Protein backbone atom coordinates (compact mmCIF):
# COMPACT_ATOMS: atom_id res chain seq x y z
CA MET A 1 67.26 60.31 151.95
CA GLY A 2 64.00 59.71 154.28
CA ARG A 3 60.62 60.79 154.00
CA GLY A 4 61.62 64.11 153.72
CA TRP A 5 62.79 64.18 150.28
CA VAL A 6 60.09 62.54 148.40
CA ALA A 7 56.97 65.37 150.52
CA LYS A 8 60.03 68.08 149.33
CA ILE A 9 58.83 67.33 145.21
CA GLY A 10 55.60 67.47 146.02
CA ILE A 11 53.57 69.50 148.96
CA LEU A 12 56.85 71.79 149.62
CA ALA A 13 57.77 71.61 145.26
CA PHE A 14 57.73 76.00 145.29
CA SER A 15 59.90 76.77 148.74
CA VAL A 16 62.09 73.53 147.45
CA ALA A 17 63.14 74.90 144.45
CA ARG A 18 63.40 78.15 145.01
CA ARG A 19 65.34 77.35 148.46
CA VAL A 20 67.79 74.62 146.89
CA VAL A 21 68.03 75.75 142.73
CA GLN A 22 68.66 79.36 144.37
CA CYS A 23 72.14 81.11 143.11
CA HIS A 24 72.83 78.20 141.13
CA PHE A 25 71.19 79.12 137.41
CA SER A 26 72.93 81.96 135.90
CA SER A 27 71.73 83.40 132.09
CA PRO A 28 68.58 81.71 132.52
CA ASP A 29 67.37 81.80 128.58
CA LYS A 30 70.59 80.55 127.56
CA LEU A 31 70.40 77.47 130.33
CA MET A 32 67.12 76.35 129.51
CA LYS A 33 68.44 76.90 125.92
CA ARG A 34 71.02 74.15 126.29
CA TYR A 35 68.28 72.11 129.02
CA LEU A 36 65.93 72.50 125.28
CA CYS A 37 68.74 71.29 123.00
CA ALA A 38 69.79 68.56 125.73
CA PHE A 39 65.66 66.84 125.92
CA PHE A 40 65.37 66.90 122.43
CA ALA A 41 68.08 65.07 121.37
CA ALA A 42 67.42 62.63 123.93
CA SER A 43 63.93 62.73 123.26
CA VAL A 44 64.91 60.96 119.69
CA VAL A 45 67.38 58.38 121.33
CA SER A 46 64.71 57.38 124.60
CA THR A 47 60.52 57.43 122.44
CA ALA A 48 61.60 54.27 120.46
CA ALA A 49 62.79 52.41 123.56
CA PHE A 50 59.77 53.77 125.56
CA ALA A 51 57.40 52.67 122.77
CA GLN A 52 57.44 49.35 123.75
CA ALA A 53 58.00 49.12 127.09
CA ALA A 54 55.72 47.88 130.00
CA PRO A 55 54.47 50.87 132.12
CA ASP A 56 56.00 50.09 135.69
CA SER A 57 59.21 49.92 132.67
CA VAL A 58 59.30 52.73 131.98
CA VAL A 59 58.94 54.41 135.01
CA LYS A 60 61.95 51.52 136.14
CA GLY A 61 63.78 53.02 133.47
CA ALA A 62 63.45 56.39 133.67
CA VAL A 63 63.86 56.43 137.81
CA GLU A 64 66.67 54.21 138.17
CA GLY A 65 68.63 55.89 134.43
CA THR A 66 68.78 58.93 135.88
CA VAL A 67 69.84 58.52 139.57
CA THR A 68 72.88 56.54 137.33
CA ALA A 69 73.78 59.01 135.53
CA MET A 70 74.00 61.72 138.15
CA LYS A 71 76.47 59.77 140.26
CA ALA A 72 77.87 58.64 137.15
CA ASP A 73 78.94 62.44 135.89
CA PRO A 74 80.77 64.16 138.66
CA GLN A 75 80.12 67.18 137.92
CA ALA A 76 76.50 66.88 139.19
CA ARG A 77 77.65 64.14 141.51
CA SER A 78 79.46 67.61 143.14
CA GLY A 79 76.52 69.14 143.35
CA ASP A 80 76.33 70.99 140.35
CA MET A 81 72.85 72.12 139.68
CA ASN A 82 72.96 72.88 136.17
CA LYS A 83 73.99 69.79 135.62
CA ILE A 84 71.84 67.61 137.27
CA THR A 85 69.16 69.34 135.62
CA GLU A 86 70.65 68.56 132.85
CA VAL A 87 70.31 64.83 133.17
CA VAL A 88 67.27 65.20 134.34
CA ILE A 89 66.03 66.00 131.57
CA THR A 90 67.88 63.97 129.37
CA HIS A 91 66.88 60.97 131.34
CA PHE A 92 63.88 61.28 132.90
CA VAL A 93 61.71 64.37 130.73
CA PRO A 94 61.25 61.81 127.88
CA ALA A 95 59.47 59.20 130.05
CA THR A 96 56.69 62.12 130.85
CA ASP A 97 53.36 63.73 129.49
CA PHE A 98 53.85 67.06 131.18
CA GLN A 99 51.79 68.79 128.89
CA ARG A 100 49.12 67.19 129.91
CA THR A 101 49.73 67.81 133.76
CA THR A 102 50.07 71.15 133.02
CA ARG A 103 46.59 70.60 131.72
CA ILE A 104 44.77 68.67 134.94
CA ALA A 105 46.30 71.35 136.77
CA VAL A 106 44.90 74.66 135.38
CA GLY A 107 41.36 73.37 134.83
CA LYS A 108 39.05 74.72 132.83
CA ALA A 109 40.99 78.45 132.86
CA TRP A 110 43.26 75.94 129.66
CA THR A 111 39.99 75.69 127.56
CA THR A 112 39.52 79.44 127.89
CA ALA A 113 43.43 79.78 127.39
CA THR A 114 45.23 81.36 124.06
CA PRO A 115 47.42 79.20 122.14
CA GLU A 116 50.43 81.23 123.18
CA GLN A 117 48.83 81.90 126.64
CA GLN A 118 49.58 77.64 127.12
CA LYS A 119 52.28 77.41 125.28
CA GLN A 120 53.61 79.82 128.01
CA LEU A 121 51.58 78.19 130.94
CA TYR A 122 53.59 74.60 129.63
CA GLU A 123 56.93 76.67 129.10
CA GLN A 124 57.00 77.83 132.62
CA PHE A 125 55.08 75.26 134.71
CA GLN A 126 57.83 72.37 133.19
CA THR A 127 61.01 74.46 134.27
CA LEU A 128 58.91 74.40 137.49
CA LEU A 129 58.65 70.49 137.73
CA VAL A 130 62.38 70.36 136.07
CA ARG A 131 63.82 72.31 138.42
CA THR A 132 62.17 70.95 141.73
CA TYR A 133 62.98 67.60 140.66
CA ALA A 134 66.54 68.07 140.47
CA ALA A 135 66.69 70.08 144.04
CA SER A 136 65.49 67.29 144.92
CA LEU A 137 67.20 64.73 142.89
CA SER A 138 70.08 66.65 144.71
CA GLN A 139 69.92 64.53 147.62
CA LEU A 140 70.78 61.68 146.59
CA ARG A 141 73.51 61.86 144.66
CA ASP A 142 76.01 61.05 147.39
CA GLN A 143 73.05 57.76 149.20
CA ASP A 144 73.15 54.56 148.87
CA VAL A 145 69.33 54.18 147.25
CA THR A 146 67.02 51.47 145.65
CA PHE A 147 64.47 51.42 144.02
CA LYS A 148 61.67 48.60 144.41
CA PHE A 149 58.62 48.56 141.37
CA ALA A 150 55.58 46.65 141.54
CA PRO A 151 53.73 45.23 138.42
CA ALA A 152 51.27 48.53 137.30
CA SER A 153 47.24 48.40 137.78
CA MET A 154 45.69 48.73 134.94
CA GLY A 155 42.53 50.47 134.20
CA ALA A 156 39.66 49.13 132.37
CA SER A 157 40.40 51.02 129.42
CA GLY A 158 43.96 49.50 129.76
CA LYS A 159 45.24 53.19 128.14
CA ASP A 160 45.72 54.41 132.22
CA ALA A 161 48.33 52.53 134.50
CA VAL A 162 49.08 53.39 138.11
CA VAL A 163 52.53 52.06 138.84
CA GLN A 164 53.44 51.92 142.91
CA SER A 165 57.53 51.92 143.93
CA HIS A 166 59.16 52.59 146.70
CA VAL A 167 62.62 54.31 147.81
CA LEU A 168 64.83 52.44 150.28
CA SER A 169 67.64 54.39 151.73
CA ASN A 170 69.29 54.71 155.18
CA GLY A 171 66.89 52.12 156.48
CA GLY A 172 63.31 54.55 155.21
CA ASP A 173 61.28 53.21 152.70
CA ASP A 174 59.36 55.82 151.35
CA SER A 175 56.40 55.14 149.08
CA VAL A 176 55.90 56.91 145.39
CA GLY A 177 53.13 56.07 142.90
CA TYR A 178 53.25 57.47 139.18
CA ARG A 179 49.87 57.63 136.51
CA MET A 180 50.38 57.29 133.66
CA GLU A 181 48.90 57.41 130.09
CA LYS A 182 49.48 54.87 127.03
CA THR A 183 50.27 58.13 124.29
CA ASP A 184 51.25 57.23 121.03
CA SER A 185 54.70 57.34 121.56
CA GLY A 186 54.29 54.92 124.23
CA TRP A 187 53.34 55.30 128.60
CA LYS A 188 53.77 58.53 129.80
CA ILE A 189 54.13 59.82 133.43
CA TYR A 190 51.63 62.09 134.35
CA ASP A 191 51.38 62.47 138.21
CA ILE A 192 52.93 61.50 141.09
CA ASP A 193 51.54 60.27 144.07
CA MET A 194 54.25 62.07 146.90
CA LEU A 195 53.17 60.56 150.71
CA GLY A 196 48.99 60.20 149.41
CA ALA A 197 49.47 63.51 147.96
CA TRP A 198 49.45 63.79 144.01
CA LEU A 199 51.43 66.75 142.41
CA ILE A 200 48.75 67.23 140.37
CA GLN A 201 45.93 67.99 142.93
CA VAL A 202 48.40 70.27 145.10
CA TYR A 203 48.43 72.60 142.15
CA GLN A 204 45.49 72.80 141.12
CA THR A 205 44.51 74.27 144.35
CA GLN A 206 47.75 77.12 144.17
CA PHE A 207 46.54 77.67 140.72
CA ALA A 208 43.57 77.80 141.55
CA ASP A 209 43.96 80.87 143.91
CA GLN A 210 46.27 82.36 141.27
CA LEU A 211 43.72 82.30 138.64
CA SER A 212 41.34 83.59 140.80
CA LYS A 213 42.87 86.58 141.17
CA GLY A 214 44.88 87.09 137.65
CA GLY A 215 43.51 85.82 135.68
CA VAL A 216 45.25 82.98 133.12
CA ASP A 217 47.57 86.03 132.49
CA GLY A 218 47.67 86.19 136.53
CA LEU A 219 49.05 82.34 136.62
CA ILE A 220 51.67 83.45 133.95
CA LYS A 221 52.86 86.33 135.44
CA PHE A 222 53.11 84.31 139.12
CA LEU A 223 55.16 81.32 137.52
CA THR A 224 57.58 83.17 135.72
CA GLU A 225 58.67 84.73 138.51
CA HIS A 226 58.54 82.11 140.84
CA ASN A 227 60.88 80.72 138.25
CA ALA A 228 62.78 83.44 137.86
CA ARG A 229 63.31 83.96 141.57
CA SER A 230 65.06 80.41 141.49
CA ALA A 231 67.43 80.96 139.17
CA GLY A 232 69.13 83.37 140.74
C-alpha cells in the first residue's frame, strides 16, 4: 500500500476517482438510489453506537469496520467497485458529516446558494468523496493492514477533536488525521489529513477556481460532470 494510498484520497482525489472507478458503474441514478437505501438502513443501526462513543472509538470503528467488511465480502474482495462503494456507505459514511465538509469547502458561496443549490452541492460532493474513498480502499482488499489510533486531542470547547492514526502495511507507516465535531448524534468525521494536507483545504482551492469561473451553478455543473465521467 505505502504512502500512495494516503495521497490518493487527498491531493489526487479527483484523478484517482476517475481512473479507478471509471467503467465500474452503470446506470448511476439507479445505483446511487440503491446505495442511499443501504446508507439509511445502516444509519438506523449505527447512530446509537456512534452517539455514545469517544472520538477515537468512532474513527476506529468506522475505519476498521469498513476494511473488515470489505475483506469479508467475496465481491468486494475481488475488486467489485459497486460492492466496495456499498461497504463504504454502510460502514464509513454514518460516522461522517459530509454536509459540514461541503459547507466549509464551498466557503462564503454556501451562504448565498439557494436551498436547492446547497442540496445539489452536498449530494454531488458526497458522491465524489464516497467514490474516491472506495477507490482507495480497494487497494487494501488483499493487503495485511493494521491500524493504530491515538487518543483524541480535544479542543477547548469539548466539541472539537483531532484523532491521529497510523496505517501499517508491508513495512509502510502512513499517518492519517481526522477532524471531528460533537453533534447531537455523536462525534462525526468532517475532515481528513493526508500527509499534511487536509481534504477541505485541497478542495477549497479547487472549488474557489470553479466558483470564480461560473459561480455556484458552475461548481455544481463541474461536480456533476465529473461524477458522470467517473460513473462511466
